[in-house]
């Protein structure tokens, strides 16, 4: 609980978890010695500092770009937590059990808060994902009767106001069927200010599970607590039954480059610059920014999927004969490119289609020499593809390709293709083998190159659960097509104008 919230019989543990262990001392003049946390076992634990050390809490990395903590850490004077960008600048350090370290782990800025509607829980979004640390695994079952658990955090100890080290202590957890989990110290551990939001962990089959998040405690024995307070009990908030909320909050929305969970559009203009148009969540687009200052003329640009394991969608492009991944730096701006393939013709089309085989890595489809190739993504933190496999033997040179999204809602990405000879649009549906697509399914007609010069799958750009599409028109406007369906499957839906002019200067969209 934040140290600015109301003070009752219970006192919040805001400021990082200082769970301490050691011999019980008869006099408060003797210090409880904390047990330093094992760096490898607790690499997912995060230190959260709000403002210029105005408050501090603990959290747990639960996805590459998300930390789970106590909502009360971010409460305002009314006790409410405002969703969205933190009102006060917030720094999150994860992967360092010793905060004096300057290497290892990562330090990030919090850019978004998503409080749980009914619990002392908040998801904290980082400006850039952390690719080299393994997120904690959430428990799937509640605590048992008097289950042994371990809590961890950076909060106060008996002698230190602001410790530099992560500490842990053993507790016994008792569930009562509610959202709360009562913690009783097994020895002389205590949850102190700074510990709010810290992980409560269970051991299962030799691995850790995140069972709960610390919320409030009596803080007996903690630095600054009156010596008359000897109670060390605490309360944590269960997480085993909110796994779907955590997963849906941290889910990377296909097509989203800016981190606001709305699909975006990328375009190459007639001066060779790369533009990013942020999606509004309604099918429309906001004002563009330049994310590539030159050299993009003739490139085949695409975006769908996280290629380097940092939790953010990246841009992929064929530039000349090379295929490169341009890492997303957090808001759609691009980092140094990584070459993942070469030797392609300068006319090859490249589409980052998504994860076709469900191995956790996105895959590429590529057309050249009248064939369709699949380049499977290689599992691992590095951006890489395996050897290409021919999955279409002819007729592909006349097709314009794009990543449609999951048009038939079977959990597999589908491919959008426009026949440039007659303007018929097709959806090729991803198959269970993760390697092939169905025979063509007619998606729409009258999409001739003159009528609709450029076409791009928009993922679910209006957030209604159906795959959509953008297309430029011959009059220089941009149209948004709401996805639809009939008895035969996915089809194009009604269109609205979302760009009033100037799109004739755009050479490609994705």
Protein backbone atom coordinates (compact mmCIF):
# COMPACT_ATOMS: atom_id res chain seq x y z
CA UNK A 1 0.00 0.00 0.00
CA UNK A 2 1.26 3.46 -0.82
CA UNK A 3 2.78 5.49 2.00
CA UNK A 4 0.41 8.36 1.20
CA UNK A 5 -2.73 6.29 1.65
CA UNK A 6 -4.84 6.34 4.78
CA UNK A 7 -3.28 4.82 7.88
CA UNK A 8 -5.44 2.46 9.88
CA UNK A 9 -4.63 -0.54 12.00
CA UNK A 10 -2.97 -2.01 8.92
CA UNK A 11 -0.11 -0.12 7.34
CA UNK A 12 0.59 -0.52 3.65
CA UNK A 13 3.84 -2.02 2.46
CA UNK A 14 4.55 0.61 -0.21
CA UNK A 15 8.13 0.95 -1.35
CA UNK A 16 9.55 -2.46 -2.40
CA UNK A 17 9.50 -5.65 -0.44
CA UNK A 18 11.89 -5.84 2.47
CA UNK A 19 11.08 -9.34 3.59
CA UNK A 20 13.73 -10.12 6.14
CA UNK A 21 14.94 -13.21 7.87
CA UNK A 22 17.25 -14.08 10.72
CA UNK A 23 17.12 -14.64 14.47
CA UNK A 24 14.33 -13.00 16.46
CA UNK A 25 15.91 -10.29 18.58
CA UNK A 26 14.76 -9.43 22.08
CA UNK A 27 15.53 -5.77 21.63
CA UNK A 28 14.75 -3.48 18.67
CA UNK A 29 18.28 -2.17 18.94
CA UNK A 30 19.45 -5.38 17.34
CA UNK A 31 19.05 -5.65 13.59
CA UNK A 32 17.17 -8.34 11.72
CA UNK A 33 19.48 -9.59 9.00
CA UNK A 34 17.79 -10.00 5.62
CA UNK A 35 18.43 -13.00 3.44
CA UNK A 36 19.87 -11.79 0.15
CA UNK A 37 17.93 -13.13 -2.81
CA UNK A 38 19.43 -15.52 -5.30
CA UNK A 39 19.98 -13.52 -8.47
CA UNK A 40 19.01 -16.27 -10.91
CA UNK A 41 15.90 -17.37 -9.04
CA UNK A 42 14.60 -13.82 -8.66
CA UNK A 43 15.65 -12.19 -11.92
CA UNK A 44 11.98 -11.44 -12.65
CA UNK A 45 11.63 -9.23 -9.54
CA UNK A 46 11.50 -5.49 -10.23
CA UNK A 47 12.25 -2.35 -8.24
CA UNK A 48 9.72 0.41 -8.92
CA UNK A 49 10.58 4.01 -8.04
CA UNK A 50 7.91 6.67 -8.47
CA UNK A 51 9.14 10.22 -8.92
CA UNK A 52 12.36 11.30 -7.24
CA UNK A 53 12.11 8.47 -4.69
CA UNK A 54 8.67 9.81 -3.72
CA UNK A 55 7.49 6.21 -3.40
CA UNK A 56 8.99 2.84 -4.07
CA UNK A 57 7.43 -0.58 -4.58
CA UNK A 58 8.29 -4.02 -5.86
CA UNK A 59 6.89 -5.83 -8.87
CA UNK A 60 7.27 -8.94 -10.99
CA UNK A 61 8.00 -9.22 -14.70
CA UNK A 62 5.09 -11.24 -16.15
CA UNK A 63 5.66 -10.49 -19.86
CA UNK A 64 8.60 -8.92 -21.72
CA UNK A 65 7.02 -5.45 -21.56
CA UNK A 66 4.84 -5.77 -18.43
CA UNK A 67 5.37 -5.80 -14.65
CA UNK A 68 2.66 -6.81 -12.17
CA UNK A 69 2.52 -4.89 -8.89
CA UNK A 70 0.13 -3.51 -6.26
CA UNK A 71 -2.28 -0.87 -7.54
CA UNK A 72 -2.06 0.96 -4.20
CA UNK A 73 1.51 1.92 -5.04
CA UNK A 74 0.11 4.29 -7.67
CA UNK A 75 -2.98 5.54 -5.81
CA UNK A 76 -3.70 9.27 -5.69
CA UNK A 77 -4.91 11.19 -2.64
CA UNK A 78 -8.41 9.75 -3.07
CA UNK A 79 -7.13 6.19 -3.10
CA UNK A 80 -7.88 5.76 -6.82
CA UNK A 81 -5.44 4.61 -9.48
CA UNK A 82 -5.77 6.47 -12.77
CA UNK A 83 -5.29 4.23 -15.83
CA UNK A 84 -3.00 5.35 -18.60
CA UNK A 85 0.32 7.15 -18.41
CA UNK A 86 1.62 7.45 -14.81
CA UNK A 87 1.02 10.94 -13.39
CA UNK A 88 4.56 10.91 -11.98
CA UNK A 89 7.63 9.65 -13.85
CA UNK A 90 8.25 6.05 -12.81
CA UNK A 91 11.43 4.00 -13.21
CA UNK A 92 11.43 0.20 -13.20
CA UNK A 93 14.61 -1.84 -12.72
CA UNK A 94 14.33 -5.56 -13.34
CA UNK A 95 16.89 -8.36 -13.30
CA UNK A 96 19.17 -6.77 -10.67
CA UNK A 97 18.95 -8.14 -7.15
CA UNK A 98 21.67 -5.63 -6.23
CA UNK A 99 20.60 -2.14 -7.27
CA UNK A 100 24.16 -0.85 -7.16
CA UNK A 101 24.86 -2.93 -10.27
CA UNK A 102 25.14 -1.08 -13.56
CA UNK A 103 25.25 -4.15 -15.78
CA UNK A 104 22.83 -7.01 -16.27
CA UNK A 105 19.09 -6.70 -16.14
CA UNK A 106 17.47 -3.55 -17.44
CA UNK A 107 16.10 -0.17 -16.39
CA UNK A 108 12.94 1.03 -18.08
CA UNK A 109 10.38 3.82 -17.86
CA UNK A 110 6.75 3.02 -17.06
CA UNK A 111 4.48 4.34 -19.81
CA UNK A 112 1.07 2.89 -18.93
CA UNK A 113 -0.90 1.65 -15.93
CA UNK A 114 -3.75 -0.85 -16.17
CA UNK A 115 -5.33 -1.30 -12.71
CA UNK A 116 -7.46 -4.35 -12.00
CA UNK A 117 -11.10 -3.30 -11.54
CA UNK A 118 -11.51 -5.05 -8.20
CA UNK A 119 -8.14 -5.93 -6.70
CA UNK A 120 -4.98 -4.33 -5.41
CA UNK A 121 -3.23 -5.20 -8.67
CA UNK A 122 -1.86 -3.11 -11.52
CA UNK A 123 -0.11 -3.99 -14.75
CA UNK A 124 2.75 -1.59 -15.49
CA UNK A 125 3.81 -1.29 -19.12
CA UNK A 126 7.48 -0.59 -19.85
CA UNK A 127 8.64 1.71 -22.63
CA UNK A 128 10.77 -1.09 -24.06
CA UNK A 129 10.46 -4.81 -23.51
CA UNK A 130 13.09 -6.86 -21.72
CA UNK A 131 14.18 -9.66 -24.02
CA UNK A 132 16.86 -11.41 -21.95
CA UNK A 133 14.90 -12.16 -18.77
CA UNK A 134 12.35 -14.92 -18.25
CA UNK A 135 9.02 -13.64 -16.93
CA UNK A 136 7.49 -15.29 -13.88
CA UNK A 137 4.94 -18.05 -14.36
CA UNK A 138 1.58 -17.38 -12.74
CA UNK A 139 0.14 -20.08 -10.49
CA UNK A 140 -2.97 -21.83 -11.78
CA UNK A 141 -4.26 -23.04 -8.41
CA UNK A 142 -4.82 -21.17 -5.12
CA UNK A 143 -2.75 -21.60 -1.97
CA UNK A 144 -3.38 -24.74 0.03
CA UNK A 145 -3.92 -24.94 3.75
CA UNK A 146 -0.85 -23.48 5.51
CA UNK A 147 1.21 -23.65 2.35
CA UNK A 148 4.87 -22.69 2.64
CA UNK A 149 5.71 -19.74 0.38
CA UNK A 150 8.49 -17.23 -0.06
CA UNK A 151 8.13 -13.47 -0.50
CA UNK A 152 10.68 -11.13 -2.03
CA UNK A 153 11.21 -7.39 -2.25
CA UNK A 154 13.42 -4.33 -1.97
CA UNK A 155 11.69 -2.57 0.94
CA UNK A 156 12.97 -1.53 4.34
CA UNK A 157 14.67 -3.86 6.74
CA UNK A 158 14.97 -3.28 10.48
CA UNK A 159 18.09 -1.17 10.01
CA UNK A 160 17.91 0.14 6.44
CA UNK A 161 15.51 2.77 5.16
CA UNK A 162 16.34 2.19 1.48
CA UNK A 163 18.22 -1.10 0.99
CA UNK A 164 20.08 -1.79 -2.23
CA UNK A 165 19.55 -5.53 -2.13
CA UNK A 166 16.53 -7.71 -2.78
CA UNK A 167 15.64 -9.79 0.28
CA UNK A 168 13.43 -12.82 0.77
CA UNK A 169 11.72 -14.51 3.70
CA UNK A 170 9.57 -17.55 4.36
CA UNK A 171 5.88 -17.34 5.20
CA UNK A 172 2.90 -19.60 5.64
CA UNK A 173 -0.03 -18.75 3.38
CA UNK A 174 -3.66 -19.30 4.31
CA UNK A 175 -6.43 -18.81 1.75
CA UNK A 176 -10.01 -18.08 2.78
CA UNK A 177 -11.60 -18.23 -0.67
CA UNK A 178 -11.51 -14.46 -1.12
CA UNK A 179 -9.09 -12.34 -3.12
CA UNK A 180 -6.83 -12.08 -0.06
CA UNK A 181 -4.11 -14.43 1.09
CA UNK A 182 -3.06 -14.19 4.74
CA UNK A 183 0.70 -14.46 5.32
CA UNK A 184 2.25 -15.53 8.62
CA UNK A 185 6.00 -15.23 9.03
CA UNK A 186 7.64 -18.61 9.45
CA UNK A 187 10.53 -17.02 11.32
CA UNK A 188 11.16 -13.37 11.95
CA UNK A 189 10.51 -12.14 8.43
CA UNK A 190 8.40 -9.07 7.85
CA UNK A 191 6.85 -7.22 4.93
CA UNK A 192 7.82 -3.56 5.19
CA UNK A 193 7.26 -0.34 3.32
CA UNK A 194 8.64 -0.71 -0.16
CA UNK A 195 7.51 -4.30 -0.39
CA UNK A 196 4.03 -3.64 -1.78
CA UNK A 197 3.57 -5.40 -5.08
CA UNK A 198 6.37 -7.88 -4.43
CA UNK A 199 6.02 -11.52 -5.45
CA UNK A 200 4.78 -14.30 -3.20
CA UNK A 201 6.19 -17.47 -4.72
CA UNK A 202 5.56 -21.19 -4.37
CA UNK A 203 7.85 -24.01 -5.40
CA UNK A 204 6.24 -26.56 -7.71
CA UNK A 205 8.09 -29.39 -9.42
CA UNK A 206 11.39 -27.61 -8.86
CA UNK A 207 10.19 -24.35 -10.39
CA UNK A 208 8.71 -21.13 -9.04
CA UNK A 209 5.15 -19.91 -9.53
CA UNK A 210 3.80 -16.45 -8.75
CA UNK A 211 1.02 -17.14 -6.27
CA UNK A 212 0.19 -13.64 -5.04
CA UNK A 213 1.31 -10.01 -4.82
CA UNK A 214 1.98 -8.39 -1.42
CA UNK A 215 -0.52 -5.72 -0.46
CA UNK A 216 -0.40 -4.62 3.21
CA UNK A 217 1.09 -5.63 6.55
CA UNK A 218 1.50 -4.72 10.23
CA UNK A 219 5.22 -4.06 9.65
CA UNK A 220 6.36 -5.12 13.08
CA UNK A 221 10.15 -4.76 13.34
CA UNK A 222 10.46 -2.64 10.18
CA UNK A 223 12.56 0.51 10.21
CA UNK A 224 10.40 3.44 11.28
CA UNK A 225 7.64 1.33 12.83
CA UNK A 226 7.05 1.99 16.57
CA UNK A 227 8.73 -0.57 18.78
CA UNK A 228 5.35 -1.30 20.37
CA UNK A 229 4.16 -2.84 17.10
CA UNK A 230 5.29 -6.46 17.09
CA UNK A 231 2.81 -8.01 14.66
CA UNK A 232 4.31 -9.23 11.39
CA UNK A 233 1.27 -10.66 9.63
CA UNK A 234 0.55 -9.52 6.09
CA UNK A 235 -1.99 -9.79 3.33
CA UNK A 236 -1.28 -10.53 -0.32
CA UNK A 237 -3.58 -10.44 -3.35
CA UNK A 238 -4.16 -13.70 -5.21
CA UNK A 239 -3.24 -13.91 -8.88
CA UNK A 240 -4.04 -17.54 -9.71
CA UNK A 241 -7.60 -16.64 -10.74
CA UNK A 242 -6.75 -13.51 -12.78
CA UNK A 243 -4.40 -15.15 -15.25
CA UNK A 244 -6.70 -14.32 -18.16
CA UNK A 245 -6.67 -10.63 -17.17
CA UNK A 246 -2.88 -10.62 -17.05
CA UNK A 247 -2.65 -12.42 -20.38
CA UNK A 248 -5.17 -10.20 -22.15
CA UNK A 249 -3.51 -7.04 -20.81
CA UNK A 250 -0.01 -8.07 -21.86
CA UNK A 251 -1.08 -9.55 -25.19
CA UNK A 252 0.71 -7.87 -28.08
CA UNK A 253 -2.02 -6.77 -30.50
CA UNK A 254 -1.12 -7.72 -34.09
CA UNK A 255 -0.28 -4.65 -36.13
CA UNK A 256 0.45 -2.46 -33.08
CA UNK A 257 3.81 -0.71 -33.27
CA UNK A 258 3.18 2.16 -30.83
CA UNK A 259 2.23 0.05 -27.80
CA UNK A 260 -1.33 1.35 -27.38
CA UNK A 261 -2.98 -1.95 -28.41
CA UNK A 262 -4.31 -0.52 -31.67
CA UNK A 263 -3.08 -1.70 -35.11
CA UNK A 264 -1.05 0.86 -37.06
CA UNK A 265 -0.19 1.44 -40.71
CA UNK A 266 3.29 1.82 -42.19
CA UNK A 267 3.83 3.53 -45.54
CA UNK A 268 6.68 4.39 -47.91
CA UNK A 269 6.24 7.80 -49.58
CA UNK A 270 7.51 9.05 -52.93
CA UNK A 271 10.64 10.54 -51.35
CA UNK A 272 11.78 7.20 -49.93
CA UNK A 273 10.79 7.96 -46.35
CA UNK A 274 9.08 5.47 -44.05
CA UNK A 275 5.97 6.77 -42.30
CA UNK A 276 4.09 5.44 -39.30
CA UNK A 277 0.37 6.24 -39.02
CA UNK A 278 -0.94 5.35 -35.54
CA UNK A 279 -4.27 3.57 -35.53
CA UNK A 280 -7.15 5.11 -33.59
CA UNK A 281 -8.91 1.83 -32.82
CA UNK A 282 -11.82 2.77 -35.11
CA UNK A 283 -10.18 2.01 -38.46
CA UNK A 284 -8.93 5.57 -38.75
CA UNK A 285 -5.38 6.89 -38.45
CA UNK A 286 -3.66 9.70 -36.60
CA UNK A 287 -1.04 12.07 -38.02
CA UNK A 288 2.03 10.27 -39.29
CA UNK A 289 5.58 10.39 -37.99
CA UNK A 290 8.73 9.66 -39.97
CA UNK A 291 10.44 6.49 -38.70
CA UNK A 292 12.79 6.07 -41.66
CA UNK A 293 14.38 9.18 -43.16
CA UNK A 294 15.41 7.73 -46.51
CA UNK A 295 16.42 4.74 -48.58
CA UNK A 296 13.07 2.95 -48.48
CA UNK A 297 12.16 3.39 -52.15
CA UNK A 298 11.56 0.00 -53.73
CA UNK A 299 11.61 -1.82 -50.38
CA UNK A 300 9.01 -4.43 -49.50
CA UNK A 301 7.93 -3.44 -45.98
CA UNK A 302 5.80 -5.45 -43.58
CA UNK A 303 5.09 -5.71 -39.86
CA UNK A 304 3.45 -8.46 -37.86
CA UNK A 305 5.08 -10.16 -34.91
CA UNK A 306 7.86 -9.82 -32.34
CA UNK A 307 11.13 -10.97 -33.89
CA UNK A 308 13.61 -10.35 -31.05
CA UNK A 309 11.61 -11.43 -28.01
CA UNK A 310 11.17 -8.02 -26.38
CA UNK A 311 7.38 -8.11 -26.49
CA UNK A 312 6.97 -5.53 -29.26
CA UNK A 313 6.08 -5.90 -32.91
CA UNK A 314 8.94 -5.20 -35.30
CA UNK A 315 9.24 -4.01 -38.90
CA UNK A 316 10.62 -6.37 -41.55
CA UNK A 317 11.75 -5.20 -44.98
CA UNK A 318 13.39 -6.48 -48.11
CA UNK A 319 15.87 -3.78 -49.05
CA UNK A 320 17.66 -4.66 -52.25
CA UNK A 321 18.23 -8.40 -51.98
CA UNK A 322 18.43 -8.54 -48.18
CA UNK A 323 15.65 -9.20 -45.67
CA UNK A 324 16.12 -7.20 -42.47
CA UNK A 325 14.37 -6.97 -39.12
CA UNK A 326 14.16 -3.42 -37.77
CA UNK A 327 13.62 -3.72 -33.99
CA UNK A 328 10.85 -1.58 -32.53
CA UNK A 329 12.35 0.62 -29.81
CA UNK A 330 9.04 0.96 -27.97
CA UNK A 331 6.94 3.55 -29.75
CA UNK A 332 7.40 2.54 -33.37
CA UNK A 333 10.83 4.10 -33.77
CA UNK A 334 13.31 1.66 -35.25
CA UNK A 335 16.66 0.33 -34.10
CA UNK A 336 19.64 -0.99 -36.03
CA UNK A 337 18.52 -3.54 -38.62
CA UNK A 338 19.38 -7.22 -38.40
CA UNK A 339 19.88 -9.15 -41.63
CA UNK A 340 18.01 -12.47 -41.57
CA UNK A 341 18.13 -13.50 -45.25
CA UNK A 342 19.80 -12.49 -48.49
CA UNK A 343 20.11 -13.23 -52.18
CA UNK A 344 16.52 -12.36 -53.07
CA UNK A 345 15.51 -10.61 -56.30
CA UNK A 346 14.89 -6.88 -55.90
CA UNK A 347 11.24 -7.51 -56.85
CA UNK A 348 10.54 -10.08 -54.14
CA UNK A 349 7.56 -9.39 -51.90
CA UNK A 350 8.05 -10.12 -48.19
CA UNK A 351 5.19 -10.49 -45.71
CA UNK A 352 5.70 -10.94 -41.97
CA UNK A 353 2.49 -12.87 -41.57
CA UNK A 354 2.53 -13.85 -37.90
CA UNK A 355 3.16 -17.15 -36.13
CA UNK A 356 1.87 -19.77 -38.56
CA UNK A 357 3.15 -22.83 -36.67
CA UNK A 358 2.50 -21.55 -33.13
CA UNK A 359 6.07 -21.97 -31.92
CA UNK A 360 6.20 -18.47 -30.48
CA UNK A 361 8.12 -16.90 -33.37
CA UNK A 362 6.67 -15.06 -36.37
CA UNK A 363 7.22 -16.42 -39.86
CA UNK A 364 7.68 -14.92 -43.33
CA UNK A 365 6.05 -15.63 -46.65
CA UNK A 366 7.94 -14.44 -49.72
CA UNK A 367 7.10 -14.40 -53.43
CA UNK A 368 9.62 -14.39 -56.24
CA UNK A 369 10.22 -16.33 -59.48
CA UNK A 370 6.45 -17.02 -59.58
CA UNK A 371 6.56 -19.11 -56.39
CA UNK A 372 5.48 -18.69 -52.77
CA UNK A 373 8.04 -19.50 -50.05
CA UNK A 374 7.69 -19.92 -46.30
CA UNK A 375 10.63 -18.81 -44.16
CA UNK A 376 9.95 -20.19 -40.66
CA UNK A 377 11.08 -18.07 -37.74
CA UNK A 378 13.74 -19.69 -35.57
CA UNK A 379 12.84 -20.09 -31.91
CA UNK A 380 15.10 -18.03 -29.63
CA UNK A 381 15.80 -14.47 -28.59
CA UNK A 382 17.64 -13.61 -31.81
CA UNK A 383 15.82 -12.61 -34.99
CA UNK A 384 16.39 -15.42 -37.50
CA UNK A 385 14.65 -17.54 -40.11
CA UNK A 386 15.18 -21.10 -41.26
CA UNK A 387 15.67 -22.36 -44.78
CA UNK A 388 12.86 -21.42 -47.19
CA UNK A 389 10.25 -23.99 -48.16
CA UNK A 390 8.24 -23.78 -51.39
CA UNK A 391 4.53 -23.78 -50.54
CA UNK A 392 3.17 -22.42 -53.86
CA UNK A 393 4.51 -23.57 -57.23
CA UNK A 394 3.06 -21.08 -59.69
CA UNK A 395 0.90 -18.05 -60.37
CA UNK A 396 2.31 -15.82 -57.64
CA UNK A 397 4.04 -13.13 -59.70
CA UNK A 398 0.69 -11.46 -60.41
CA UNK A 399 -0.32 -11.39 -56.75
CA UNK A 400 0.00 -8.49 -54.29
CA UNK A 401 0.35 -9.96 -50.80
CA UNK A 402 -0.39 -8.66 -47.32
CA UNK A 403 -0.85 -9.94 -43.77
CA UNK A 404 -4.60 -10.18 -43.31
CA UNK A 405 -4.68 -11.34 -39.69
CA UNK A 406 -6.87 -14.16 -38.38
CA UNK A 407 -9.81 -13.70 -40.74
CA UNK A 408 -11.71 -16.89 -39.85
CA UNK A 409 -10.98 -16.76 -36.09
CA UNK A 410 -9.30 -20.14 -35.86
CA UNK A 411 -6.18 -18.80 -34.13
CA UNK A 412 -3.99 -18.98 -37.24
CA UNK A 413 -2.82 -16.06 -39.39
CA UNK A 414 -4.21 -15.87 -42.91
CA UNK A 415 -2.79 -14.39 -46.12
CA UNK A 416 -4.42 -11.67 -48.24
CA UNK A 417 -3.68 -11.65 -51.99
CA UNK A 418 -4.92 -9.43 -54.82
CA UNK A 419 -4.75 -10.67 -58.40
CA UNK A 420 -3.43 -7.63 -60.27
CA UNK A 421 -4.84 -8.85 -63.60
CA UNK A 422 -8.53 -8.86 -62.66
CA UNK A 423 -8.73 -7.15 -59.24
CA UNK A 424 -10.12 -10.14 -57.39
CA UNK A 425 -9.07 -10.32 -53.75
CA UNK A 426 -8.43 -13.69 -52.07
CA UNK A 427 -7.96 -14.95 -48.54
CA UNK A 428 -5.66 -17.93 -48.11
CA UNK A 429 -6.46 -19.46 -44.73
CA UNK A 430 -3.69 -20.78 -42.48
CA UNK A 431 -3.77 -24.56 -42.04
CA UNK A 432 -3.28 -26.70 -38.89
CA UNK A 433 0.13 -27.95 -40.10
CA UNK A 434 1.47 -24.40 -39.68
CA UNK A 435 3.21 -24.62 -43.04
CA UNK A 436 0.57 -24.24 -45.71
CA UNK A 437 -2.50 -22.22 -46.66
CA UNK A 438 -5.86 -23.25 -48.04
CA UNK A 439 -6.89 -22.96 -51.66
CA UNK A 440 -7.95 -19.45 -52.55
CA UNK A 441 -11.19 -18.12 -51.06
CA UNK A 442 -12.71 -15.10 -52.76
CA UNK A 443 -12.62 -12.15 -50.37
CA UNK A 444 -13.75 -9.29 -52.63
CA UNK A 445 -13.99 -7.94 -56.18
CA UNK A 446 -13.28 -4.73 -58.11
CA UNK A 447 -9.90 -4.14 -56.46
CA UNK A 448 -8.10 -3.33 -59.69
CA UNK A 449 -4.77 -1.53 -59.52
CA UNK A 450 -6.40 1.57 -61.04
CA UNK A 451 -9.33 1.50 -58.62
CA UNK A 452 -7.40 0.57 -55.47
CA UNK A 453 -3.66 1.05 -56.13
CA UNK A 454 -2.45 -0.22 -52.74
CA UNK A 455 -3.99 -2.76 -50.36
CA UNK A 456 -2.90 -3.80 -46.86
CA UNK A 457 -4.33 -6.10 -44.24
CA UNK A 458 -5.15 -4.01 -41.15
CA UNK A 459 -5.40 -6.80 -38.56
CA UNK A 460 -8.35 -5.88 -36.30
CA UNK A 461 -8.02 -2.12 -36.76
CA UNK A 462 -11.48 -1.26 -35.36
CA UNK A 463 -11.18 -3.68 -32.43
CA UNK A 464 -14.38 -5.59 -33.16
CA UNK A 465 -12.73 -9.01 -33.39
CA UNK A 466 -12.68 -9.28 -37.20
CA UNK A 467 -9.74 -8.85 -39.59
CA UNK A 468 -9.93 -5.60 -41.57
CA UNK A 469 -8.22 -3.92 -44.52
CA UNK A 470 -6.92 -0.55 -45.73
CA UNK A 471 -6.69 0.48 -49.39
CA UNK A 472 -5.75 3.61 -51.26
CA UNK A 473 -8.17 4.84 -53.93
CA UNK A 474 -7.56 6.22 -57.40
CA UNK A 475 -8.65 9.68 -56.22
CA UNK A 476 -5.82 9.86 -53.65
CA UNK A 477 -7.90 8.98 -50.61
CA UNK A 478 -7.53 6.12 -48.11
CA UNK A 479 -10.35 3.67 -47.40
CA UNK A 480 -10.90 1.46 -44.38
CA UNK A 481 -12.78 -1.78 -45.05
CA UNK A 482 -14.46 -3.34 -42.06
CA UNK A 483 -14.01 -7.11 -42.18
CA UNK A 484 -17.07 -9.27 -42.63
CA UNK A 485 -18.18 -12.83 -43.27
CA UNK A 486 -20.81 -14.83 -45.12
CA UNK A 487 -21.69 -18.51 -45.30
CA UNK A 488 -18.51 -19.13 -47.28
CA UNK A 489 -16.15 -17.47 -44.80
CA UNK A 490 -14.41 -14.11 -44.42
CA UNK A 491 -15.17 -11.36 -46.92
CA UNK A 492 -14.56 -7.65 -47.32
CA UNK A 493 -17.08 -5.43 -45.56
CA UNK A 494 -18.30 -1.85 -46.00
CA UNK A 495 -15.73 0.90 -46.42
CA UNK A 496 -15.34 4.42 -45.06
CA UNK A 497 -12.90 7.15 -46.05
CA UNK A 498 -10.22 7.61 -43.38
CA UNK A 499 -7.67 9.64 -45.39
CA UNK A 500 -8.96 12.61 -47.41
CA UNK A 501 -6.06 13.14 -49.78
CA UNK A 502 -2.38 12.86 -50.57
CA UNK A 503 -2.31 9.08 -50.65
CA UNK A 504 -1.41 9.10 -54.34
CA UNK A 505 2.13 9.98 -53.21
CA UNK A 506 2.36 6.79 -51.16
CA UNK A 507 4.18 3.91 -52.86
CA UNK A 508 3.43 1.06 -50.44
CA UNK A 509 1.40 0.38 -47.30
CA UNK A 510 1.43 -2.41 -44.75
